[in-house]
């Protein structure tokens, strides 16, 4: 019975950890908001939103690292360190909104045939298959 409680507590703690910025998905933002923008205005807005998203990603990644450190310290050394885990918060929500805005701006740009080049993060590489005999 005690093992079940420990496993449940660990599961809840891990679920409360902040996500890495790459793991935060975009929320839907309607491209209609950018319907009346010119191509120049779309490019400027994309640059502004992209800059803010980069800042929010940095904050999100730092929170993820801090939570991972607190989790390790809490589980290995001192359990009160688990109270320092911040989890997902308003920064996560803002990052998701900014990613959604970038998607909407890109859709508006495509619809207007602006030719703006949007850079996307490269896909994660597939896991490397290991030979059973290699170490």
Protein backbone atom coordinates (compact mmCIF):
# COMPACT_ATOMS: atom_id res chain seq x y z
CA UNK A 1 0.00 0.00 0.00
CA UNK A 2 2.83 2.37 0.86
CA UNK A 3 4.41 1.76 -2.54
CA UNK A 4 1.20 2.83 -4.26
CA UNK A 5 1.13 6.11 -2.32
CA UNK A 6 4.77 6.83 -3.12
CA UNK A 7 4.23 6.09 -6.81
CA UNK A 8 1.13 8.30 -6.90
CA UNK A 9 2.95 11.16 -5.16
CA UNK A 10 5.89 10.91 -7.57
CA UNK A 11 3.49 10.90 -10.53
CA UNK A 12 1.75 14.04 -9.30
CA UNK A 13 5.05 15.81 -8.71
CA UNK A 14 6.38 14.95 -12.16
CA UNK A 15 3.11 16.10 -13.74
CA UNK A 16 3.52 19.44 -11.98
CA UNK A 17 6.94 20.15 -13.44
CA UNK A 18 7.26 22.93 -16.00
CA UNK A 19 7.40 21.79 -19.61
CA UNK A 20 10.31 22.58 -21.87
CA UNK A 21 9.44 25.33 -24.40
CA UNK A 22 9.51 22.80 -27.25
CA UNK A 23 6.77 20.82 -25.51
CA UNK A 24 4.37 23.78 -25.25
CA UNK A 25 1.84 23.62 -28.07
CA UNK A 26 0.26 26.58 -29.81
CA UNK A 27 -3.28 27.54 -28.96
CA UNK A 28 -5.56 28.55 -31.81
CA UNK A 29 -5.56 32.21 -32.78
CA UNK A 30 -7.77 33.21 -35.69
CA UNK A 31 -5.93 34.60 -38.72
CA UNK A 32 -8.90 36.92 -39.19
CA UNK A 33 -7.24 39.20 -36.62
CA UNK A 34 -4.57 39.95 -39.22
CA UNK A 35 -6.90 40.20 -42.20
CA UNK A 36 -6.50 43.97 -42.64
CA UNK A 37 -2.71 44.00 -42.18
CA UNK A 38 -0.49 44.78 -45.13
CA UNK A 39 2.43 42.47 -45.93
CA UNK A 40 4.80 44.98 -44.30
CA UNK A 41 2.64 45.09 -41.16
CA UNK A 42 2.49 41.28 -41.06
CA UNK A 43 6.29 41.11 -41.29
CA UNK A 44 6.69 43.64 -38.48
CA UNK A 45 4.11 41.86 -36.29
CA UNK A 46 5.77 38.50 -36.96
CA UNK A 47 9.10 39.94 -35.86
CA UNK A 48 7.59 41.44 -32.70
CA UNK A 49 5.73 38.25 -31.75
CA UNK A 50 8.74 36.08 -32.59
CA UNK A 51 10.99 38.19 -30.37
CA UNK A 52 8.56 37.95 -27.47
CA UNK A 53 8.13 34.20 -28.02
CA UNK A 54 11.92 33.76 -27.89
CA UNK A 55 12.00 35.56 -24.54
CA UNK A 56 9.11 33.48 -23.20
CA UNK A 57 10.82 30.29 -24.45
CA UNK A 58 13.98 31.20 -22.55
CA UNK A 59 12.00 31.76 -19.35
CA UNK A 60 10.08 28.52 -19.90
CA UNK A 61 13.26 26.51 -20.45
CA UNK A 62 14.83 27.98 -17.32
CA UNK A 63 11.74 27.05 -15.28
CA UNK A 64 11.92 23.54 -16.69
CA UNK A 65 15.57 23.22 -15.64
CA UNK A 66 14.85 24.65 -12.19
CA UNK A 67 11.98 22.20 -11.67
CA UNK A 68 14.15 19.28 -12.79
CA UNK A 69 16.86 20.31 -10.30
CA UNK A 70 14.31 20.71 -7.49
CA UNK A 71 12.83 17.32 -8.37
CA UNK A 72 16.22 15.63 -8.28
CA UNK A 73 17.21 17.28 -5.01
CA UNK A 74 13.81 16.52 -3.51
CA UNK A 75 13.75 12.88 -4.45
CA UNK A 76 17.39 12.15 -3.71
CA UNK A 77 18.35 14.40 -0.81
CA UNK A 78 15.68 16.49 0.89
CA UNK A 79 11.97 16.08 0.21
CA UNK A 80 11.05 19.70 1.21
CA UNK A 81 12.84 20.82 -1.97
CA UNK A 82 9.80 19.46 -3.83
CA UNK A 83 7.89 22.55 -2.68
CA UNK A 84 10.11 24.66 -4.98
CA UNK A 85 8.69 23.04 -8.12
CA UNK A 86 6.79 25.79 -9.91
CA UNK A 87 5.09 23.80 -12.68
CA UNK A 88 3.26 25.29 -15.63
CA UNK A 89 1.98 28.80 -15.13
CA UNK A 90 1.09 32.03 -16.90
CA UNK A 91 4.38 31.97 -18.87
CA UNK A 92 3.38 28.62 -20.37
CA UNK A 93 0.00 30.08 -21.35
CA UNK A 94 1.65 33.16 -22.85
CA UNK A 95 4.10 31.05 -24.84
CA UNK A 96 1.23 28.93 -26.21
CA UNK A 97 -0.64 32.11 -27.18
CA UNK A 98 2.43 33.59 -28.90
CA UNK A 99 2.96 30.38 -30.86
CA UNK A 100 -0.69 30.56 -31.91
CA UNK A 101 -0.25 34.16 -33.01
CA UNK A 102 2.75 33.19 -35.14
CA UNK A 103 0.66 30.49 -36.80
CA UNK A 104 -2.14 33.00 -37.49
CA UNK A 105 0.29 35.57 -38.92
CA UNK A 106 1.82 32.89 -41.14
CA UNK A 107 -1.64 31.86 -42.39
CA UNK A 108 -2.54 35.50 -43.12
CA UNK A 109 0.78 35.95 -44.94
CA UNK A 110 0.14 32.88 -47.08
CA UNK A 111 -3.41 34.02 -47.85
CA UNK A 112 -2.12 37.44 -48.97
CA UNK A 113 0.81 35.86 -50.88
CA UNK A 114 3.32 38.03 -49.02
CA UNK A 115 6.21 35.63 -49.47
CA UNK A 116 7.39 36.01 -45.87
CA UNK A 117 9.67 33.14 -44.87
CA UNK A 118 8.78 31.71 -41.47
CA UNK A 119 11.40 29.57 -39.76
CA UNK A 120 10.23 26.55 -37.86
CA UNK A 121 12.17 24.48 -35.38
CA UNK A 122 13.68 21.41 -36.99
CA UNK A 123 11.94 18.14 -36.14
CA UNK A 124 13.42 16.09 -33.36
CA UNK A 125 15.79 13.41 -34.63
CA UNK A 126 14.51 9.84 -34.39
CA UNK A 127 15.91 7.71 -31.58
CA UNK A 128 19.12 5.96 -32.45
CA UNK A 129 18.84 2.18 -32.55
CA UNK A 130 21.50 0.55 -30.43
CA UNK A 131 23.10 -2.78 -31.11
CA UNK A 132 22.65 -5.18 -28.20
CA UNK A 133 26.39 -5.92 -28.21
CA UNK A 134 27.51 -2.27 -28.03
CA UNK A 135 28.08 -0.41 -24.79
